[in-house]
C-alpha atoms as a PDB file:
ATOM      1  CA  MET A   1       0.000   0.000   0.000  1.00  0.00           C
ATOM      2  CA  ILE A   2       1.420   3.342  -1.055  1.00  0.00           C
ATOM      3  CA  ASP A   3       1.705   6.006   1.625  1.00  0.00           C
ATOM      4  CA  LEU A   4       0.006   8.988  -0.027  1.00  0.00           C
ATOM      5  CA  PHE A   5       1.440  11.538   2.397  1.00  0.00           C
ATOM      6  CA  GLY A   6       4.903  10.134   1.909  1.00  0.00           C
ATOM      7  CA  LEU A   7       4.323  10.297  -1.826  1.00  0.00           C
ATOM      8  CA  LEU A   8       3.411  13.965  -1.579  1.00  0.00           C
ATOM      9  CA  ARG A   9       6.689  14.611   0.248  1.00  0.00           C
ATOM     10  CA  GLY A  10       8.610  12.600  -2.334  1.00  0.00           C
ATOM     11  CA  GLU A  11       9.876  10.032   0.176  1.00  0.00           C
ATOM     12  CA  GLU A  12       9.229   6.923  -1.946  1.00  0.00           C
ATOM     13  CA  VAL A  13      10.741   8.081  -5.230  1.00  0.00           C
ATOM     14  CA  THR A  14      14.180   8.999  -6.557  1.00  0.00           C
ATOM     15  CA  TRP A  15      13.034  12.293  -8.068  1.00  0.00           C
ATOM     16  CA  GLY A  16      10.712  13.982  -5.618  1.00  0.00           C
ATOM     17  CA  ILE A  17       8.797  17.202  -5.229  1.00  0.00           C
ATOM     18  CA  LEU A  18      11.882  19.397  -5.728  1.00  0.00           C
ATOM     19  CA  ILE A  19      12.426  18.038  -9.237  1.00  0.00           C
ATOM     20  CA  ALA A  20       8.730  18.570  -9.988  1.00  0.00           C
ATOM     21  CA  VAL A  21       9.170  22.227  -8.998  1.00  0.00           C
ATOM     22  CA  TYR A  22      12.315  22.433 -11.136  1.00  0.00           C
ATOM     23  CA  LEU A  23      10.542  21.046 -14.209  1.00  0.00           C
ATOM     24  CA  TYR A  24       7.585  23.350 -13.615  1.00  0.00           C
ATOM     25  CA  LEU A  25       9.605  26.536 -13.214  1.00  0.00           C
ATOM     26  CA  GLY A  26      11.793  25.653 -16.193  1.00  0.00           C
ATOM     27  CA  GLY A  27       8.785  25.264 -18.474  1.00  0.00           C
ATOM     28  CA  LEU A  28       7.079  28.361 -17.083  1.00  0.00           C
ATOM     29  CA  ALA A  29      10.263  30.409 -17.533  1.00  0.00           C
ATOM     30  CA  GLY A  30      10.607  29.420 -21.166  1.00  0.00           C
ATOM     31  CA  GLY A  31       6.941  30.101 -21.854  1.00  0.00           C
ATOM     32  CA  ALA A  32       6.985  33.502 -20.153  1.00  0.00           C
ATOM     33  CA  PHE A  33      10.125  34.660 -21.975  1.00  0.00           C
ATOM     34  CA  LEU A  34       8.764  33.418 -25.306  1.00  0.00           C
ATOM     35  CA  SER A  35       5.396  35.116 -24.733  1.00  0.00           C
ATOM     36  CA  GLY A  36       6.998  38.402 -23.732  1.00  0.00           C
ATOM     37  CA  SER A  37       9.379  38.378 -26.680  1.00  0.00           C
ATOM     38  CA  MET A  38       6.630  37.592 -29.188  1.00  0.00           C
ATOM     39  CA  ALA A  39       4.487  40.395 -27.776  1.00  0.00           C
ATOM     40  CA  HIS A  40       7.415  42.761 -28.239  1.00  0.00           C
ATOM     41  CA  PHE A  41       8.062  41.570 -31.799  1.00  0.00           C
ATOM     42  CA  LEU A  42       4.433  41.866 -32.895  1.00  0.00           C
ATOM     43  CA  ALA A  43       3.264  44.997 -31.063  1.00  0.00           C
ATOM     44  CA  ARG A  44       6.263  47.231 -30.455  1.00  0.00           C
ATOM     45  CA  GLU A  45       4.280  50.413 -31.079  1.00  0.00           C
ATOM     46  CA  ASN A  46       1.625  49.553 -28.474  1.00  0.00           C
ATOM     47  CA  GLU A  47       2.792  50.610 -25.011  1.00  0.00           C
ATOM     48  CA  SER A  48       0.283  48.324 -23.261  1.00  0.00           C
ATOM     49  CA  TYR A  49       1.663  45.242 -24.982  1.00  0.00           C
ATOM     50  CA  ARG A  50       5.199  46.434 -24.348  1.00  0.00           C
ATOM     51  CA  VAL A  51       4.367  46.369 -20.644  1.00  0.00           C
ATOM     52  CA  PHE A  52       3.158  42.784 -21.015  1.00  0.00           C
ATOM     53  CA  ALA A  53       6.333  41.983 -22.945  1.00  0.00           C
ATOM     54  CA  ARG A  54       8.461  43.272 -20.082  1.00  0.00           C
ATOM     55  CA  SER A  55       6.425  41.230 -17.619  1.00  0.00           C
ATOM     56  CA  GLY A  56       7.113  38.078 -19.633  1.00  0.00           C
ATOM     57  CA  ILE A  57      10.847  38.763 -19.758  1.00  0.00           C
ATOM     58  CA  TYR A  58      11.052  39.545 -16.035  1.00  0.00           C
ATOM     59  CA  ILE A  59       8.970  36.550 -14.950  1.00  0.00           C
ATOM     60  CA  GLY A  60      10.856  34.215 -17.271  1.00  0.00           C
ATOM     61  CA  THR A  61      14.192  35.352 -15.866  1.00  0.00           C
ATOM     62  CA  VAL A  62      13.124  35.143 -12.230  1.00  0.00           C
ATOM     63  CA  ALA A  63      11.493  31.733 -12.747  1.00  0.00           C
ATOM     64  CA  ILE A  64      14.540  30.144 -14.376  1.00  0.00           C
ATOM     65  CA  ILE A  65      16.780  31.439 -11.581  1.00  0.00           C
ATOM     66  CA  LEU A  66      14.383  30.213  -8.895  1.00  0.00           C
ATOM     67  CA  GLY A  67      14.180  26.867 -10.689  1.00  0.00           C
ATOM     68  CA  LEU A  68      17.858  26.250 -10.023  1.00  0.00           C
ATOM     69  CA  VAL A  69      17.264  26.331  -6.261  1.00  0.00           C
ATOM     70  CA  PRO A  70      15.210  23.097  -5.978  1.00  0.00           C
ATOM     71  CA  LEU A  71      17.584  21.384  -8.410  1.00  0.00           C
ATOM     72  CA  VAL A  72      20.637  22.190  -6.278  1.00  0.00           C
ATOM     73  CA  LEU A  73      18.785  21.249  -3.096  1.00  0.00           C
ATOM     74  CA  ASP A  74      17.732  17.914  -4.567  1.00  0.00           C
ATOM     75  CA  LEU A  75      21.174  17.009  -5.881  1.00  0.00           C
ATOM     76  CA  LYS A  76      22.888  18.236  -2.683  1.00  0.00           C
ATOM     77  CA  ARG A  77      26.139  18.480  -4.643  1.00  0.00           C
ATOM     78  CA  PHE A  78      26.622  22.181  -4.156  1.00  0.00           C
ATOM     79  CA  ILE A  79      26.584  21.736  -0.388  1.00  0.00           C
ATOM     80  CA  VAL A  80      28.674  18.550  -0.226  1.00  0.00           C
ATOM     81  CA  ALA A  81      31.142  19.187  -3.080  1.00  0.00           C
ATOM     82  CA  PRO A  82      30.643  22.495  -4.890  1.00  0.00           C
ATOM     83  CA  VAL A  83      33.507  21.836  -7.333  1.00  0.00           C
ATOM     84  CA  ASN A  84      31.717  18.751  -8.670  1.00  0.00           C
ATOM     85  CA  MET A  85      29.051  21.010 -10.160  1.00  0.00           C
ATOM     86  CA  ILE A  86      31.576  21.825 -12.885  1.00  0.00           C
ATOM     87  CA  TYR A  87      31.317  18.249 -14.173  1.00  0.00           C
ATOM     88  CA  ALA A  88      27.703  18.905 -15.110  1.00  0.00           C
ATOM     89  CA  PHE A  89      29.068  20.944 -18.048  1.00  0.00           C
ATOM     90  CA  SER A  90      31.708  18.447 -19.175  1.00  0.00           C
ATOM     91  CA  HIS A  91      29.746  15.580 -20.780  1.00  0.00           C
ATOM     92  CA  LEU A  92      28.525  17.261 -23.955  1.00  0.00           C
ATOM     93  CA  PRO A  93      26.838  15.953 -26.050  1.00  0.00           C
ATOM     94  CA  GLU A  94      26.454  12.391 -24.765  1.00  0.00           C
ATOM     95  CA  SER A  95      24.691  13.385 -21.534  1.00  0.00           C
ATOM     96  CA  MET A  96      21.184  14.846 -21.712  1.00  0.00           C
ATOM     97  CA  MET A  97      21.779  16.369 -18.270  1.00  0.00           C
ATOM     98  CA  THR A  98      24.843  18.203 -19.596  1.00  0.00           C
ATOM     99  CA  VAL A  99      22.948  19.423 -22.662  1.00  0.00           C
ATOM    100  CA  GLY A 100      20.229  20.741 -20.390  1.00  0.00           C
ATOM    101  CA  THR A 101      22.757  22.379 -18.082  1.00  0.00           C
ATOM    102  CA  TRP A 102      24.239  24.326 -20.980  1.00  0.00           C
ATOM    103  CA  VAL A 103      20.838  25.258 -22.406  1.00  0.00           C
ATOM    104  CA  ILE A 104      19.483  26.487 -19.079  1.00  0.00           C
ATOM    105  CA  SER A 105      22.705  28.328 -18.213  1.00  0.00           C
ATOM    106  CA  ILE A 106      22.738  30.203 -21.522  1.00  0.00           C
ATOM    107  CA  PHE A 107      19.018  30.929 -21.240  1.00  0.00           C
ATOM    108  CA  THR A 108      19.533  32.302 -17.727  1.00  0.00           C
ATOM    109  CA  VAL A 109      22.319  34.632 -18.869  1.00  0.00           C
ATOM    110  CA  LEU A 110      20.252  35.846 -21.825  1.00  0.00           C
ATOM    111  CA  GLY A 111      17.264  36.435 -19.554  1.00  0.00           C
ATOM    112  CA  VAL A 112      19.299  38.464 -17.074  1.00  0.00           C
ATOM    113  CA  ILE A 113      20.865  40.588 -19.817  1.00  0.00           C
ATOM    114  CA  THR A 114      17.514  41.203 -21.513  1.00  0.00           C
ATOM    115  CA  SER A 115      15.871  42.126 -18.209  1.00  0.00           C
ATOM    116  CA  ILE A 116      18.638  44.601 -17.391  1.00  0.00           C
ATOM    117  CA  LEU A 117      18.342  46.169 -20.838  1.00  0.00           C
ATOM    118  CA  TRP A 118      14.580  46.544 -20.377  1.00  0.00           C
ATOM    119  CA  VAL A 119      14.980  48.164 -16.969  1.00  0.00           C
ATOM    120  CA  PHE A 120      17.432  50.775 -18.191  1.00  0.00           C
ATOM    121  CA  ARG A 121      16.168  51.322 -21.701  1.00  0.00           C
ATOM    122  CA  GLU A 122      15.048  54.745 -22.851  1.00  0.00           C
ATOM    123  CA  ARG A 123      11.466  55.209 -23.862  1.00  0.00           C
ATOM    124  CA  GLU A 124      10.887  54.977 -27.571  1.00  0.00           C
ATOM    125  CA  ARG A 125      10.937  58.169 -29.578  1.00  0.00           C
ATOM    126  CA  THR A 126       8.112  59.228 -31.835  1.00  0.00           C
ATOM    127  CA  VAL A 127       7.686  62.067 -34.236  1.00  0.00           C
ATOM    128  CA  LYS A 128       4.466  63.501 -35.585  1.00  0.00           C
ATOM    129  CA  LEU A 129       4.237  64.314 -39.261  1.00  0.00           C
ATOM    130  CA  GLU A 130       2.287  67.524 -39.601  1.00  0.00           C
ATOM    131  CA  ASN A 131       1.040  66.805 -43.108  1.00  0.00           C
ATOM    132  CA  VAL A 132      -0.549  63.421 -42.437  1.00  0.00           C
ATOM    133  CA  GLY A 133      -0.839  63.380 -38.656  1.00  0.00           C
ATOM    134  CA  GLU A 134       0.807  60.000 -38.317  1.00  0.00           C
ATOM    135  CA  ARG A 135       3.234  58.833 -35.652  1.00  0.00           C
ATOM    136  CA  ILE A 136       6.318  56.959 -36.777  1.00  0.00           C
ATOM    137  CA  TYR A 137       8.118  54.670 -34.428  1.00  0.00           C
ATOM    138  CA  PHE A 138      11.899  54.930 -34.329  1.00  0.00           C
ATOM    139  CA  GLU A 139      13.822  51.974 -32.959  1.00  0.00           C
ATOM    140  CA  SER A 140      16.765  53.134 -30.898  1.00  0.00           C
ATOM    141  CA  VAL A 141      20.012  51.232 -30.761  1.00  0.00           C
ATOM    142  CA  GLU A 142      18.976  49.920 -27.348  1.00  0.00           C
ATOM    143  CA  GLU A 143      15.704  48.677 -28.801  1.00  0.00           C
ATOM    144  CA  LYS A 144      17.511  46.732 -31.506  1.00  0.00           C
ATOM    145  CA  VAL A 145      19.853  45.228 -28.951  1.00  0.00           C
ATOM    146  CA  ILE A 146      16.879  44.123 -26.857  1.00  0.00           C
ATOM    147  CA  LEU A 147      15.229  42.568 -29.909  1.00  0.00           C
ATOM    148  CA  PHE A 148      18.442  40.697 -30.702  1.00  0.00           C
ATOM    149  CA  PHE A 149      18.733  39.222 -27.217  1.00  0.00           C
ATOM    150  CA  GLU A 150      15.035  38.350 -27.246  1.00  0.00           C
ATOM    151  CA  ALA A 151      15.377  36.551 -30.578  1.00  0.00           C
ATOM    152  CA  VAL A 152      18.318  34.485 -29.352  1.00  0.00           C
ATOM    153  CA  GLY A 153      16.631  34.002 -25.992  1.00  0.00           C
ATOM    154  CA  CYS A 154      13.516  32.595 -27.663  1.00  0.00           C
ATOM    155  CA  VAL A 155      15.592  29.777 -29.143  1.00  0.00           C
ATOM    156  CA  PHE A 156      16.896  28.810 -25.719  1.00  0.00           C
ATOM    157  CA  ALA A 157      13.482  29.383 -24.116  1.00  0.00           C
ATOM    158  CA  VAL A 158      11.962  26.781 -26.432  1.00  0.00           C
ATOM    159  CA  ALA A 159      14.950  24.496 -25.886  1.00  0.00           C
ATOM    160  CA  THR A 160      14.463  24.797 -22.119  1.00  0.00           C
ATOM    161  CA  MET A 161      10.793  23.833 -22.351  1.00  0.00           C
ATOM    162  CA  VAL A 162      11.572  20.876 -24.611  1.00  0.00           C
ATOM    163  CA  TYR A 163      14.415  19.794 -22.336  1.00  0.00           C
ATOM    164  CA  THR A 164      12.104  19.473 -19.322  1.00  0.00           C
ATOM    165  CA  GLY A 165      10.337  16.713 -21.239  1.00  0.00           C
ATOM    166  CA  LEU A 166      13.438  15.179 -22.817  1.00  0.00           C
ATOM    167  CA  LEU A 167      15.070  14.845 -19.404  1.00  0.00           C
ATOM    168  CA  LEU A 168      12.374  12.360 -18.437  1.00  0.00           C
ATOM    169  CA  SER A 169      12.104  10.756 -21.880  1.00  0.00           C
ATOM    170  CA  PHE A 170      15.801   9.816 -21.829  1.00  0.00           C
ATOM    171  CA  ALA A 171      15.638   8.318 -18.338  1.00  0.00           C
ATOM    172  CA  ARG A 172      16.630   4.666 -18.585  1.00  0.00           C
ATOM    173  CA  GLY A 173      14.187   1.965 -17.648  1.00  0.00           C
ATOM    174  CA  VAL A 174      11.099   4.178 -17.235  1.00  0.00           C
ATOM    175  CA  THR A 175       8.700   3.216 -20.020  1.00  0.00           C
ATOM    176  CA  PHE A 176       6.034   5.629 -18.763  1.00  0.00           C
ATOM    177  CA  TRP A 177       8.299   8.536 -19.746  1.00  0.00           C
ATOM    178  CA  ALA A 178       9.572   6.990 -22.987  1.00  0.00           C
ATOM    179  CA  SER A 179       6.867   8.481 -25.225  1.00  0.00           C
ATOM    180  CA  PRO A 180       8.031  11.039 -27.842  1.00  0.00           C
ATOM    181  CA  LEU A 181       4.892  13.033 -27.007  1.00  0.00           C
ATOM    182  CA  LEU A 182       6.099  13.943 -23.514  1.00  0.00           C
ATOM    183  CA  PRO A 183       8.397  16.815 -24.624  1.00  0.00           C
ATOM    184  CA  TRP A 184       5.562  18.213 -26.747  1.00  0.00           C
ATOM    185  CA  LEU A 185       3.181  18.036 -23.798  1.00  0.00           C
ATOM    186  CA  PHE A 186       5.594  19.803 -21.450  1.00  0.00           C
ATOM    187  CA  THR A 187       6.342  22.432 -24.095  1.00  0.00           C
ATOM    188  CA  ALA A 188       2.654  23.216 -24.644  1.00  0.00           C
ATOM    189  CA  SER A 189       2.128  23.397 -20.898  1.00  0.00           C
ATOM    190  CA  GLY A 190       5.206  25.595 -20.510  1.00  0.00           C
ATOM    191  CA  VAL A 191       3.937  28.102 -23.057  1.00  0.00           C
ATOM    192  CA  SER A 192       0.498  28.097 -21.419  1.00  0.00           C
ATOM    193  CA  THR A 193       1.735  28.617 -17.865  1.00  0.00           C
ATOM    194  CA  GLY A 194       4.341  31.156 -18.943  1.00  0.00           C
ATOM    195  CA  LEU A 195       1.785  33.141 -20.918  1.00  0.00           C
ATOM    196  CA  VAL A 196      -0.689  33.414 -18.048  1.00  0.00           C
ATOM    197  CA  ALA A 197       2.109  34.082 -15.527  1.00  0.00           C
ATOM    198  CA  ALA A 198       3.177  37.090 -17.600  1.00  0.00           C
ATOM    199  CA  GLY A 199      -0.430  38.271 -17.702  1.00  0.00           C
ATOM    200  CA  LEU A 200      -1.023  37.683 -13.999  1.00  0.00           C
ATOM    201  CA  PHE A 201       2.120  39.514 -12.888  1.00  0.00           C
ATOM    202  CA  THR A 202       1.600  42.525 -15.153  1.00  0.00           C
ATOM    203  CA  PRO A 203      -0.524  44.339 -12.508  1.00  0.00           C
ATOM    204  CA  ILE A 204       1.394  42.780  -9.608  1.00  0.00           C
ATOM    205  CA  ILE A 205       4.694  44.275 -10.794  1.00  0.00           C
ATOM    206  CA  GLY A 206       2.999  47.670 -11.074  1.00  0.00           C
ATOM    207  CA  ILE A 207       1.867  47.402  -7.457  1.00  0.00           C
ATOM    208  CA  LEU A 208       5.072  45.987  -5.950  1.00  0.00           C
ATOM    209  CA  VAL A 209       7.712  48.059  -7.765  1.00  0.00           C
ATOM    210  CA  PRO A 210       5.961  51.170  -9.148  1.00  0.00           C
ATOM    211  CA  ARG A 211       9.100  53.326  -9.109  1.00  0.00           C
ATOM    212  CA  LEU A 212      11.252  50.816 -10.947  1.00  0.00           C
ATOM    213  CA  CYS A 213       8.519  50.042 -13.484  1.00  0.00           C
ATOM    214  CA  PRO A 214       6.295  53.154 -13.800  1.00  0.00           C
ATOM    215  CA  GLU A 215       4.803  51.912 -17.085  1.00  0.00           C
ATOM    216  CA  PHE A 216       3.232  48.992 -15.208  1.00  0.00           C
ATOM    217  CA  ARG A 217       1.655  51.400 -12.738  1.00  0.00           C
ATOM    218  CA  GLU A 218       0.351  53.575 -15.553  1.00  0.00           C
ATOM    219  CA  LEU A 219      -1.302  50.581 -17.202  1.00  0.00           C
ATOM    220  CA  LEU A 220      -3.153  49.841 -13.951  1.00  0.00           C
ATOM    221  CA  SER A 221      -4.820  53.243 -14.210  1.00  0.00           C
ATOM    222  CA  ARG A 222      -6.033  52.434 -17.735  1.00  0.00           C
ATOM    223  CA  SER A 223      -8.462  49.652 -16.888  1.00  0.00           C
ATOM    224  CA  ILE A 224      -9.840  49.302 -20.406  1.00  0.00           C
ATOM    225  CA  GLU A 225      -6.359  48.871 -21.899  1.00  0.00           C
ATOM    226  CA  LEU A 226      -5.398  46.411 -19.165  1.00  0.00           C
ATOM    227  CA  MET A 227      -8.558  44.418 -19.798  1.00  0.00           C
ATOM    228  CA  LYS A 228      -7.833  44.247 -23.525  1.00  0.00           C
ATOM    229  CA  VAL A 229      -4.336  42.930 -22.898  1.00  0.00           C
ATOM    230  CA  GLU A 230      -5.496  40.297 -20.403  1.00  0.00           C
ATOM    231  CA  LYS A 231      -8.344  39.201 -22.662  1.00  0.00           C
ATOM    232  CA  ARG A 232      -5.873  38.746 -25.489  1.00  0.00           C
ATOM    233  CA  VAL A 233      -3.682  36.654 -23.197  1.00  0.00           C
ATOM    234  CA  GLU A 234      -6.670  34.533 -22.225  1.00  0.00           C
ATOM    235  CA  GLY A 235      -7.703  34.202 -25.855  1.00  0.00           C
ATOM    236  CA  PHE A 236      -4.277  32.861 -26.810  1.00  0.00           C
ATOM    237  CA  ASP A 237      -4.205  30.482 -23.853  1.00  0.00           C
ATOM    238  CA  VAL A 238      -7.497  28.719 -24.608  1.00  0.00           C
ATOM    239  CA  PRO A 239      -6.151  26.993 -27.762  1.00  0.00           C
ATOM    240  CA  LEU A 240      -3.038  26.048 -25.797  1.00  0.00           C
ATOM    241  CA  MET A 241      -5.168  24.416 -23.102  1.00  0.00           C
ATOM    242  CA  LEU A 242      -7.152  22.513 -25.712  1.00  0.00           C
ATOM    243  CA  GLY A 243      -3.872  21.400 -27.254  1.00  0.00           C
ATOM    244  CA  GLU A 244      -2.687  20.253 -23.833  1.00  0.00           C
ATOM    245  CA  LEU A 245      -5.874  18.262 -23.401  1.00  0.00           C
ATOM    246  CA  ILE A 246      -5.323  16.475 -26.707  1.00  0.00           C
ATOM    247  CA  LEU A 247      -1.630  15.905 -26.032  1.00  0.00           C
ATOM    248  CA  VAL A 248      -2.080  14.534 -22.519  1.00  0.00           C
ATOM    249  CA  PHE A 249      -4.557  11.885 -23.648  1.00  0.00           C
ATOM    250  CA  ALA A 250      -2.459  11.057 -26.710  1.00  0.00           C
ATOM    251  CA  TYR A 251       0.541  10.704 -24.416  1.00  0.00           C
ATOM    252  CA  LEU A 252      -1.321   8.445 -21.994  1.00  0.00           C
ATOM    253  CA  LEU A 253      -2.565   6.271 -24.848  1.00  0.00           C
ATOM    254  CA  SER A 254       1.022   5.876 -26.035  1.00  0.00           C
ATOM    255  CA  VAL A 255       2.005   4.438 -22.631  1.00  0.00           C
ATOM    256  CA  VAL A 256      -1.239   2.593 -21.908  1.00  0.00           C
ATOM    257  CA  GLN A 257       0.512  -0.686 -21.070  1.00  0.00           C
ATOM    258  CA  THR A 258       2.681   0.782 -18.328  1.00  0.00           C
ATOM    259  CA  ARG A 259       2.125   0.767 -14.594  1.00  0.00           C
ATOM    260  CA  GLY A 260       2.370   4.540 -14.603  1.00  0.00           C
ATOM    261  CA  PHE A 261      -0.712   4.752 -16.799  1.00  0.00           C
ATOM    262  CA  LEU A 262      -2.718   2.781 -14.246  1.00  0.00           C
ATOM    263  CA  ASN A 263      -1.454   4.924 -11.368  1.00  0.00           C
ATOM    264  CA  VAL A 264      -2.334   8.155 -13.152  1.00  0.00           C
ATOM    265  CA  VAL A 265      -5.689   7.208 -14.650  1.00  0.00           C
ATOM    266  CA  TYR A 266      -7.065   4.812 -12.026  1.00  0.00           C
ATOM    267  CA  GLY A 267      -4.676   4.670  -9.099  1.00  0.00           C
ATOM    268  CA  VAL A 268      -3.192   6.806  -6.352  1.00  0.00           C
ATOM    269  CA  LEU A 269      -2.442   9.731  -8.695  1.00  0.00           C
ATOM    270  CA  SER A 270      -5.848   9.757 -10.389  1.00  0.00           C
ATOM    271  CA  PRO A 271      -7.413  12.419  -8.074  1.00  0.00           C
ATOM    272  CA  ALA A 272      -4.521  14.769  -8.804  1.00  0.00           C
ATOM    273  CA  PHE A 273      -4.795  14.076 -12.527  1.00  0.00           C
ATOM    274  CA  TRP A 274      -8.564  14.218 -13.016  1.00  0.00           C
ATOM    275  CA  ILE A 275      -9.362  16.901 -10.439  1.00  0.00           C
ATOM    276  CA  GLY A 276      -6.143  18.887 -10.167  1.00  0.00           C
ATOM    277  CA  PHE A 277      -5.023  18.969 -13.794  1.00  0.00           C
ATOM    278  CA  ILE A 278      -7.987  18.156 -16.038  1.00  0.00           C
ATOM    279  CA  THR A 279     -10.731  19.891 -14.029  1.00  0.00           C
ATOM    280  CA  VAL A 280      -8.945  22.699 -12.179  1.00  0.00           C
ATOM    281  CA  GLY A 281      -6.152  23.352 -14.669  1.00  0.00           C
ATOM    282  CA  ILE A 282      -8.021  22.953 -17.975  1.00  0.00           C
ATOM    283  CA  LEU A 283     -11.813  22.689 -17.840  1.00  0.00           C
ATOM    284  CA  ILE A 284     -12.617  25.381 -15.261  1.00  0.00           C
ATOM    285  CA  PRO A 285     -10.389  28.025 -16.961  1.00  0.00           C
ATOM    286  CA  ILE A 286     -12.108  27.261 -20.275  1.00  0.00           C
ATOM    287  CA  ILE A 287     -15.523  27.533 -18.598  1.00  0.00           C
ATOM    288  CA  LEU A 288     -14.496  30.874 -17.076  1.00  0.00           C
ATOM    289  CA  TRP A 289     -13.437  32.055 -20.529  1.00  0.00           C
ATOM    290  CA  LEU A 290     -16.816  31.051 -21.968  1.00  0.00           C
ATOM    291  CA  LEU A 291     -18.605  32.754 -19.075  1.00  0.00           C
ATOM    292  CA  LEU A 292     -16.659  35.929 -19.736  1.00  0.00           C
ATOM    293  CA  LYS A 293     -17.532  35.784 -23.423  1.00  0.00           C
ATOM    294  CA  LEU A 294     -21.224  35.681 -22.511  1.00  0.00           C
ATOM    295  CA  ARG A 295     -21.126  38.535 -20.012  1.00  0.00           C
ATOM    296  CA  GLU A 296     -18.458  40.845 -21.416  1.00  0.00           C
ATOM    297  CA  LYS A 297     -20.929  43.255 -23.058  1.00  0.00           C
ATOM    298  CA  PRO A 298     -21.688  46.094 -22.661  1.00  0.00           C
ATOM    299  CA  LYS A 299     -18.993  46.854 -20.055  1.00  0.00           C
ATOM    300  CA  LEU A 300     -15.771  45.238 -21.134  1.00  0.00           C
ATOM    301  CA  HIS A 301     -13.768  46.555 -18.187  1.00  0.00           C
ATOM    302  CA  GLN A 302     -16.014  45.464 -15.323  1.00  0.00           C
ATOM    303  CA  PRO A 303     -13.822  44.583 -12.296  1.00  0.00           C
ATOM    304  CA  GLU A 304     -15.529  41.220 -11.887  1.00  0.00           C
ATOM    305  CA  ASN A 305     -14.616  40.311 -15.466  1.00  0.00           C
ATOM    306  CA  LEU A 306     -10.961  41.014 -14.753  1.00  0.00           C
ATOM    307  CA  ALA A 307     -11.233  38.955 -11.562  1.00  0.00           C
ATOM    308  CA  LEU A 308     -12.541  35.997 -13.581  1.00  0.00           C
ATOM    309  CA  ILE A 309      -9.596  36.260 -15.944  1.00  0.00           C
ATOM    310  CA  TYR A 310      -7.064  36.301 -13.111  1.00  0.00           C
ATOM    311  CA  LEU A 311      -8.807  33.395 -11.402  1.00  0.00           C
ATOM    312  CA  GLY A 312      -8.452  31.423 -14.617  1.00  0.00           C
ATOM    313  CA  PHE A 313      -4.756  32.333 -14.790  1.00  0.00           C
ATOM    314  CA  VAL A 314      -4.151  31.085 -11.246  1.00  0.00           C
ATOM    315  CA  LEU A 315      -5.932  27.801 -11.982  1.00  0.00           C
ATOM    316  CA  VAL A 316      -3.848  27.273 -15.118  1.00  0.00           C
ATOM    317  CA  LEU A 317      -0.682  27.761 -13.071  1.00  0.00           C
ATOM    318  CA  ILE A 318      -1.884  25.243 -10.486  1.00  0.00           C
ATOM    319  CA  GLY A 319      -2.782  22.741 -13.184  1.00  0.00           C
ATOM    320  CA  GLY A 320       0.607  23.119 -14.857  1.00  0.00           C
ATOM    321  CA  PHE A 321       2.419  22.145 -11.682  1.00  0.00           C
ATOM    322  CA  ILE A 322       0.103  19.206 -11.028  1.00  0.00           C
ATOM    323  CA  LEU A 323       0.780  17.910 -14.552  1.00  0.00           C
ATOM    324  CA  ARG A 324       4.531  17.747 -13.866  1.00  0.00           C
ATOM    325  CA  TYR A 325       3.925  16.223 -10.468  1.00  0.00           C
ATOM    326  CA  VAL A 326       1.658  13.494 -11.842  1.00  0.00           C
ATOM    327  CA  VAL A 327       3.936  12.598 -14.752  1.00  0.00           C
ATOM    328  CA  LEU A 328       7.093  12.647 -12.619  1.00  0.00           C
ATOM    329  CA  PHE A 329       5.683  10.494  -9.841  1.00  0.00           C
ATOM    330  CA  GLY A 330       3.675   8.280 -12.192  1.00  0.00           C
ATOM    331  CA  GLY A 331       6.878   7.015 -13.755  1.00  0.00           C
ATOM    332  CA  GLN A 332       8.409   6.050 -10.406  1.00  0.00           C
ATOM    333  CA  LEU A 333       5.634   4.091  -8.694  1.00  0.00           C
END
């Protein structure tokens, strides 16, 4: 009989709750950085979306740095023998762990540099043409540098999300993780959680650090603009959640003959899977989105509508962690 409370603490498995947190934060970081960069690429002239872009970059950078903490704590190498951490970089390309170490390290550096550039960048310059009344956007040198680091960072952001799935897929002797669909599932979930994290923290950053990020604070005072941004975030996330739903069942069908499948679908992990991930993390956010679509007129910026959006974001974040937890533990029971 499996001790459920011990399972929650990670006492009966090799990779416990700390690795689940590491996989979760790694995927979220990649998704947030990718979402922020894409928003910057596609809507550079719109200050509201630029604020969201900065949120994605900041959250992605903080998340990938925080994700290293549970990894170090789980391995215990930094405390016992700090010098041995160097060997994690020395087995390229035969070791998937080494590949991931390089990818995450480069992504972390790119995230820090991009965040610093965003913090200290000058506001964009515009000029008004008197004859046509148009505003033309001039990209400063700093802006081009930011775009360059974002473009390179996106490559490593995607690689980080894929790696969180490949790390498990390449684990020897665990058939539950051996499906080629697992990296795709973790990547889709990473983009989804990163996207909503960037949206959720857009107002939070404005409240916590208004002096450092005055543009965030200004967006809070423009409720209609804020609502439009968050609705766009929600609108992009719904297809991602539907894709997750398809991928998770396709993944489970590909490992249907494993013990992990039984544990996840019918066994000790089934409440976490069906209630925590499927219901809380996917179905309820979609229902909230549909509810908002029905009640959004005539007042698009009603406070309760914004509250529904943020509730959906929080549930998506919870579901994303539970997905990693279920998959990680399902392969070890």
